[in-house]
Amino acid sequence: MSTGVTAAHGFRASAVEAGIKPGRTDLALLVSDRPCAASGVFTTNLAKAAPVLVSAEHLKAATARAVIVNAGCANAATGVQGMADARESVALVAQALGCETHDVLVCSTGVIGVNLPMPKIRAAIPVAAAGLSAQGGAAAARAIMTTDTKPKESSRTFDLGGVPVTIGGMAKGAGMIAPSLAPLHATMLAFFTTDAL
């Protein structure tokens, strides 16, 4: 049975060991089977990591098909190379899924000031795309963990005007929630899906 972020109909996820955090899954892919309405809330910090800038830019279209998330490297304070790596990551996902680049979002969490190991990312994305499953939510929630002691995922189904609707989600972060989304040296990531029309 689907759990968490893939509990809503039409969403699939996967998790792979890219080798960014050796010995564990560290790259997750979340995909909608069709273009869907999308929005995001981002940090209010003046210093924003490359993935934040790229994802905010792509969400101007208010649609998305996929999110790629890696743990172990935040791709923050990485300058021009960090932006290039974030853009290449979304382009590789788009190529693997057959969708537009602007329909892919990117998130990274982990060590600051270190560039993404792009050879590992390049090798992992096709594997993640091939492993997508409606049962992949729990694995994805585990792959995005950093300081968390356990994966965070949940889903609820309820009646909306006589139609069953499901909302699912996953998150990572420990002691990082603040109303301004501007914690100091910390990353909270949260993803929500729904099959409500």
C-alpha atoms as a PDB file:
ATOM      1  CA  MET A   1       0.000   0.000   0.000  1.00  0.00           C
ATOM      2  CA  SER A   2       1.242   3.483  -0.872  1.00  0.00           C
ATOM      3  CA  THR A   3       2.277   5.646   2.044  1.00  0.00           C
ATOM      4  CA  GLY A   4       3.356   9.205   2.608  1.00  0.00           C
ATOM      5  CA  VAL A   5       4.106  11.302  -0.419  1.00  0.00           C
ATOM      6  CA  THR A   6       2.956   8.634  -2.904  1.00  0.00           C
ATOM      7  CA  ALA A   7      -0.348   7.870  -1.185  1.00  0.00           C
ATOM      8  CA  ALA A   8      -2.155  10.314  -3.467  1.00  0.00           C
ATOM      9  CA  HIS A   9      -3.130   8.796  -6.826  1.00  0.00           C
ATOM     10  CA  GLY A  10      -0.772   9.606  -9.693  1.00  0.00           C
ATOM     11  CA  PHE A  11       2.483  10.047  -7.757  1.00  0.00           C
ATOM     12  CA  ARG A  12       5.531   7.772  -7.737  1.00  0.00           C
ATOM     13  CA  ALA A  13       8.873   7.945  -5.972  1.00  0.00           C
ATOM     14  CA  SER A  14      12.184   6.153  -5.687  1.00  0.00           C
ATOM     15  CA  ALA A  15      15.371   6.226  -3.633  1.00  0.00           C
ATOM     16  CA  VAL A  16      18.881   5.202  -4.626  1.00  0.00           C
ATOM     17  CA  GLU A  17      22.409   5.120  -3.230  1.00  0.00           C
ATOM     18  CA  ALA A  18      24.230   7.759  -5.253  1.00  0.00           C
ATOM     19  CA  GLY A  19      27.308   7.605  -3.016  1.00  0.00           C
ATOM     20  CA  ILE A  20      26.987  11.118  -1.621  1.00  0.00           C
ATOM     21  CA  LYS A  21      26.430   9.665   1.870  1.00  0.00           C
ATOM     22  CA  PRO A  22      28.118   6.271   1.560  1.00  0.00           C
ATOM     23  CA  GLY A  23      26.270   3.232   2.826  1.00  0.00           C
ATOM     24  CA  ARG A  24      22.727   4.570   2.581  1.00  0.00           C
ATOM     25  CA  THR A  25      20.178   5.881   0.120  1.00  0.00           C
ATOM     26  CA  ASP A  26      20.835   9.568  -0.456  1.00  0.00           C
ATOM     27  CA  LEU A  27      18.933  10.572  -3.586  1.00  0.00           C
ATOM     28  CA  ALA A  28      15.161  10.605  -3.966  1.00  0.00           C
ATOM     29  CA  LEU A  29      12.981  11.279  -6.973  1.00  0.00           C
ATOM     30  CA  LEU A  30       9.308  12.246  -6.677  1.00  0.00           C
ATOM     31  CA  VAL A  31       7.251  12.322  -9.873  1.00  0.00           C
ATOM     32  CA  SER A  32       3.717  13.166 -10.899  1.00  0.00           C
ATOM     33  CA  ASP A  33       2.419  11.022 -13.747  1.00  0.00           C
ATOM     34  CA  ARG A  34       1.086  14.176 -15.411  1.00  0.00           C
ATOM     35  CA  PRO A  35       1.729  17.912 -15.086  1.00  0.00           C
ATOM     36  CA  CYS A  36       0.141  19.196 -11.910  1.00  0.00           C
ATOM     37  CA  ALA A  37      -0.433  22.503 -10.161  1.00  0.00           C
ATOM     38  CA  ALA A  38       2.535  23.299  -7.953  1.00  0.00           C
ATOM     39  CA  SER A  39       3.664  25.967  -5.528  1.00  0.00           C
ATOM     40  CA  GLY A  40       6.469  26.441  -3.044  1.00  0.00           C
ATOM     41  CA  VAL A  41       7.483  28.352   0.048  1.00  0.00           C
ATOM     42  CA  PHE A  42      11.165  29.124   0.433  1.00  0.00           C
ATOM     43  CA  THR A  43      13.567  30.505   2.993  1.00  0.00           C
ATOM     44  CA  THR A  44      13.512  34.239   3.693  1.00  0.00           C
ATOM     45  CA  ASN A  45      17.306  34.258   4.155  1.00  0.00           C
ATOM     46  CA  LEU A  46      19.104  36.686   1.866  1.00  0.00           C
ATOM     47  CA  ALA A  47      21.651  33.974   1.108  1.00  0.00           C
ATOM     48  CA  LYS A  48      19.859  31.282  -0.873  1.00  0.00           C
ATOM     49  CA  ALA A  49      21.358  28.039  -2.152  1.00  0.00           C
ATOM     50  CA  ALA A  50      21.376  27.208  -5.850  1.00  0.00           C
ATOM     51  CA  PRO A  51      18.551  24.635  -5.575  1.00  0.00           C
ATOM     52  CA  VAL A  52      16.309  27.236  -3.913  1.00  0.00           C
ATOM     53  CA  LEU A  53      16.954  29.744  -6.699  1.00  0.00           C
ATOM     54  CA  VAL A  54      16.382  27.209  -9.484  1.00  0.00           C
ATOM     55  CA  SER A  55      13.220  25.752  -7.944  1.00  0.00           C
ATOM     56  CA  ALA A  56      11.731  29.190  -7.255  1.00  0.00           C
ATOM     57  CA  GLU A  57      12.432  30.147 -10.871  1.00  0.00           C
ATOM     58  CA  HIS A  58      10.760  26.996 -12.209  1.00  0.00           C
ATOM     59  CA  LEU A  59       7.714  27.423  -9.979  1.00  0.00           C
ATOM     60  CA  LYS A  60       6.850  30.726 -11.626  1.00  0.00           C
ATOM     61  CA  ALA A  61       4.955  28.568 -14.133  1.00  0.00           C
ATOM     62  CA  ALA A  62       2.923  27.101 -11.216  1.00  0.00           C
ATOM     63  CA  THR A  63       3.247  23.570 -12.594  1.00  0.00           C
ATOM     64  CA  ALA A  64       5.663  20.714 -12.003  1.00  0.00           C
ATOM     65  CA  ARG A  65       6.259  17.069 -12.840  1.00  0.00           C
ATOM     66  CA  ALA A  66       9.147  16.085 -10.591  1.00  0.00           C
ATOM     67  CA  VAL A  67      11.410  16.893  -7.670  1.00  0.00           C
ATOM     68  CA  ILE A  68      14.934  15.527  -7.271  1.00  0.00           C
ATOM     69  CA  VAL A  69      16.285  15.631  -3.711  1.00  0.00           C
ATOM     70  CA  ASN A  70      19.760  14.697  -2.531  1.00  0.00           C
ATOM     71  CA  ALA A  71      21.133  14.371   0.999  1.00  0.00           C
ATOM     72  CA  GLY A  72      24.763  14.799   1.992  1.00  0.00           C
ATOM     73  CA  CYS A  73      25.534  17.990   0.068  1.00  0.00           C
ATOM     74  CA  ALA A  74      23.503  21.192   0.360  1.00  0.00           C
ATOM     75  CA  ASN A  75      24.892  22.774  -2.817  1.00  0.00           C
ATOM     76  CA  ALA A  76      24.882  26.030  -0.827  1.00  0.00           C
ATOM     77  CA  ALA A  77      27.558  28.727  -0.993  1.00  0.00           C
ATOM     78  CA  THR A  78      28.813  27.098  -4.172  1.00  0.00           C
ATOM     79  CA  GLY A  79      28.549  30.078  -6.531  1.00  0.00           C
ATOM     80  CA  VAL A  80      28.369  29.772 -10.294  1.00  0.00           C
ATOM     81  CA  GLN A  81      29.288  26.072 -10.242  1.00  0.00           C
ATOM     82  CA  GLY A  82      26.477  25.354  -7.799  1.00  0.00           C
ATOM     83  CA  MET A  83      23.932  26.980 -10.110  1.00  0.00           C
ATOM     84  CA  ALA A  84      25.286  25.028 -13.071  1.00  0.00           C
ATOM     85  CA  ASP A  85      25.043  21.765 -11.101  1.00  0.00           C
ATOM     86  CA  ALA A  86      21.461  22.463  -9.997  1.00  0.00           C
ATOM     87  CA  ARG A  87      20.466  23.269 -13.579  1.00  0.00           C
ATOM     88  CA  GLU A  88      22.176  20.147 -14.905  1.00  0.00           C
ATOM     89  CA  SER A  89      20.409  18.010 -12.303  1.00  0.00           C
ATOM     90  CA  VAL A  90      16.949  19.177 -13.385  1.00  0.00           C
ATOM     91  CA  ALA A  91      17.882  18.815 -17.058  1.00  0.00           C
ATOM     92  CA  LEU A  92      18.993  15.215 -16.490  1.00  0.00           C
ATOM     93  CA  VAL A  93      15.745  14.391 -14.687  1.00  0.00           C
ATOM     94  CA  ALA A  94      13.710  16.010 -17.460  1.00  0.00           C
ATOM     95  CA  GLN A  95      15.592  13.939 -20.038  1.00  0.00           C
ATOM     96  CA  ALA A  96      15.003  10.725 -18.075  1.00  0.00           C
ATOM     97  CA  LEU A  97      11.281  11.442 -17.702  1.00  0.00           C
ATOM     98  CA  GLY A  98      10.634  13.013 -21.091  1.00  0.00           C
ATOM     99  CA  CYS A  99       9.329  16.278 -19.660  1.00  0.00           C
ATOM    100  CA  GLU A 100      10.296  19.940 -19.805  1.00  0.00           C
ATOM    101  CA  THR A 101      13.263  21.123 -17.724  1.00  0.00           C
ATOM    102  CA  HIS A 102      11.179  23.872 -16.086  1.00  0.00           C
ATOM    103  CA  ASP A 103       8.805  21.180 -14.803  1.00  0.00           C
ATOM    104  CA  VAL A 104      11.533  19.726 -12.553  1.00  0.00           C
ATOM    105  CA  LEU A 105      12.440  21.106  -9.113  1.00  0.00           C
ATOM    106  CA  VAL A 106      15.650  20.418  -7.196  1.00  0.00           C
ATOM    107  CA  CYS A 107      16.414  20.295  -3.465  1.00  0.00           C
ATOM    108  CA  SER A 108      19.673  19.543  -1.677  1.00  0.00           C
ATOM    109  CA  THR A 109      20.510  19.124   1.991  1.00  0.00           C
ATOM    110  CA  GLY A 110      23.744  18.400   3.823  1.00  0.00           C
ATOM    111  CA  VAL A 111      27.203  19.916   3.974  1.00  0.00           C
ATOM    112  CA  ILE A 112      27.479  23.605   3.022  1.00  0.00           C
ATOM    113  CA  GLY A 113      30.214  24.999   0.769  1.00  0.00           C
ATOM    114  CA  VAL A 114      30.869  21.762  -1.101  1.00  0.00           C
ATOM    115  CA  ASN A 115      30.034  21.150  -4.748  1.00  0.00           C
ATOM    116  CA  LEU A 116      27.708  18.336  -5.743  1.00  0.00           C
ATOM    117  CA  PRO A 117      29.539  15.205  -6.911  1.00  0.00           C
ATOM    118  CA  MET A 118      28.021  15.441 -10.380  1.00  0.00           C
ATOM    119  CA  PRO A 119      29.459  12.192 -11.779  1.00  0.00           C
ATOM    120  CA  LYS A 120      27.558  10.363  -9.022  1.00  0.00           C
ATOM    121  CA  ILE A 121      24.390  12.394  -9.634  1.00  0.00           C
ATOM    122  CA  ARG A 122      24.586  11.731 -13.377  1.00  0.00           C
ATOM    123  CA  ALA A 123      24.877   7.987 -12.778  1.00  0.00           C
ATOM    124  CA  ALA A 124      22.102   7.884 -10.165  1.00  0.00           C
ATOM    125  CA  ILE A 125      19.334   9.767 -11.977  1.00  0.00           C
ATOM    126  CA  PRO A 126      18.579   7.100 -14.633  1.00  0.00           C
ATOM    127  CA  VAL A 127      18.526   4.439 -11.899  1.00  0.00           C
ATOM    128  CA  ALA A 128      16.119   6.542  -9.826  1.00  0.00           C
ATOM    129  CA  ALA A 129      13.876   7.125 -12.838  1.00  0.00           C
ATOM    130  CA  ALA A 130      13.789   3.411 -13.645  1.00  0.00           C
ATOM    131  CA  GLY A 131      12.876   2.565 -10.038  1.00  0.00           C
ATOM    132  CA  LEU A 132       9.882   4.878  -9.673  1.00  0.00           C
ATOM    133  CA  SER A 133       6.958   3.230  -7.906  1.00  0.00           C
ATOM    134  CA  ALA A 134       3.686   4.159  -6.245  1.00  0.00           C
ATOM    135  CA  GLN A 135       5.092   2.264  -3.243  1.00  0.00           C
ATOM    136  CA  GLY A 136       8.288   4.345  -3.178  1.00  0.00           C
ATOM    137  CA  GLY A 137       7.175   7.024  -0.731  1.00  0.00           C
ATOM    138  CA  ALA A 138       8.647   5.450   2.392  1.00  0.00           C
ATOM    139  CA  ALA A 139      12.022   4.883   0.730  1.00  0.00           C
ATOM    140  CA  ALA A 140      12.095   8.475  -0.528  1.00  0.00           C
ATOM    141  CA  ALA A 141      11.347   9.802   2.966  1.00  0.00           C
ATOM    142  CA  ARG A 142      14.304   7.845   4.319  1.00  0.00           C
ATOM    143  CA  ALA A 143      16.667   8.956   1.549  1.00  0.00           C
ATOM    144  CA  ILE A 144      16.250  12.682   2.271  1.00  0.00           C
ATOM    145  CA  MET A 145      17.155  12.388   5.967  1.00  0.00           C
ATOM    146  CA  THR A 146      20.218  14.111   7.401  1.00  0.00           C
ATOM    147  CA  THR A 147      20.174  14.706  11.180  1.00  0.00           C
ATOM    148  CA  ASP A 148      16.726  13.139  11.519  1.00  0.00           C
ATOM    149  CA  THR A 149      16.449  10.130  13.805  1.00  0.00           C
ATOM    150  CA  LYS A 150      13.593   8.674  11.754  1.00  0.00           C
ATOM    151  CA  PRO A 151      11.817   9.315   8.457  1.00  0.00           C
ATOM    152  CA  LYS A 152       8.844  11.678   8.513  1.00  0.00           C
ATOM    153  CA  GLU A 153       5.869  10.816   6.335  1.00  0.00           C
ATOM    154  CA  SER A 154       2.094  10.851   6.613  1.00  0.00           C
ATOM    155  CA  SER A 155      -1.065  10.638   4.541  1.00  0.00           C
ATOM    156  CA  ARG A 156      -4.794  11.116   5.038  1.00  0.00           C
ATOM    157  CA  THR A 157      -7.820  10.267   2.902  1.00  0.00           C
ATOM    158  CA  PHE A 158     -11.100  12.122   3.391  1.00  0.00           C
ATOM    159  CA  ASP A 159     -14.345  12.913   1.604  1.00  0.00           C
ATOM    160  CA  LEU A 160     -14.525  16.149  -0.379  1.00  0.00           C
ATOM    161  CA  GLY A 161     -17.931  16.779  -1.915  1.00  0.00           C
ATOM    162  CA  GLY A 162     -18.623  13.081  -2.171  1.00  0.00           C
ATOM    163  CA  VAL A 163     -15.232  12.288  -3.691  1.00  0.00           C
ATOM    164  CA  PRO A 164     -12.417  10.549  -1.769  1.00  0.00           C
ATOM    165  CA  VAL A 165      -9.299  12.725  -1.733  1.00  0.00           C
ATOM    166  CA  THR A 166      -5.840  11.895  -0.413  1.00  0.00           C
ATOM    167  CA  ILE A 167      -3.100  14.208   0.806  1.00  0.00           C
ATOM    168  CA  GLY A 168       0.357  12.744   1.346  1.00  0.00           C
ATOM    169  CA  GLY A 169       3.647  14.170   2.476  1.00  0.00           C
ATOM    170  CA  MET A 170       7.221  13.679   3.575  1.00  0.00           C
ATOM    171  CA  ALA A 171       9.650  15.974   5.356  1.00  0.00           C
ATOM    172  CA  LYS A 172      13.153  16.137   6.759  1.00  0.00           C
ATOM    173  CA  GLY A 173      14.646  18.322   9.434  1.00  0.00           C
ATOM    174  CA  ALA A 174      15.055  18.181  13.202  1.00  0.00           C
ATOM    175  CA  GLY A 175      14.319  21.274  15.302  1.00  0.00           C
ATOM    176  CA  MET A 176      14.348  23.428  12.188  1.00  0.00           C
ATOM    177  CA  ILE A 177      10.797  24.745  11.863  1.00  0.00           C
ATOM    178  CA  ALA A 178      10.358  28.512  12.177  1.00  0.00           C
ATOM    179  CA  PRO A 179       7.580  30.795  10.916  1.00  0.00           C
ATOM    180  CA  SER A 180      10.000  32.782   8.757  1.00  0.00           C
ATOM    181  CA  LEU A 181      11.582  29.657   7.210  1.00  0.00           C
ATOM    182  CA  ALA A 182      14.923  31.214   8.071  1.00  0.00           C
ATOM    183  CA  PRO A 183      16.655  28.848  10.508  1.00  0.00           C
ATOM    184  CA  LEU A 184      20.354  29.326  11.109  1.00  0.00           C
ATOM    185  CA  HIS A 185      22.541  26.772   9.319  1.00  0.00           C
ATOM    186  CA  ALA A 186      19.717  24.289   8.931  1.00  0.00           C
ATOM    187  CA  THR A 187      17.531  22.866   6.191  1.00  0.00           C
ATOM    188  CA  MET A 188      13.912  21.824   6.431  1.00  0.00           C
ATOM    189  CA  LEU A 189      12.399  20.212   3.368  1.00  0.00           C
ATOM    190  CA  ALA A 190       8.746  19.234   3.085  1.00  0.00           C
ATOM    191  CA  PHE A 191       6.778  17.900   0.118  1.00  0.00           C
ATOM    192  CA  PHE A 192       3.013  17.467  -0.140  1.00  0.00           C
ATOM    193  CA  THR A 193       0.940  15.777  -2.830  1.00  0.00           C
ATOM    194  CA  THR A 194      -2.782  15.464  -3.434  1.00  0.00           C
ATOM    195  CA  ASP A 195      -5.109  13.952  -5.986  1.00  0.00           C
ATOM    196  CA  ALA A 196      -7.793  16.580  -5.352  1.00  0.00           C
ATOM    197  CA  LEU A 197      -8.980  18.173  -8.596  1.00  0.00           C
END
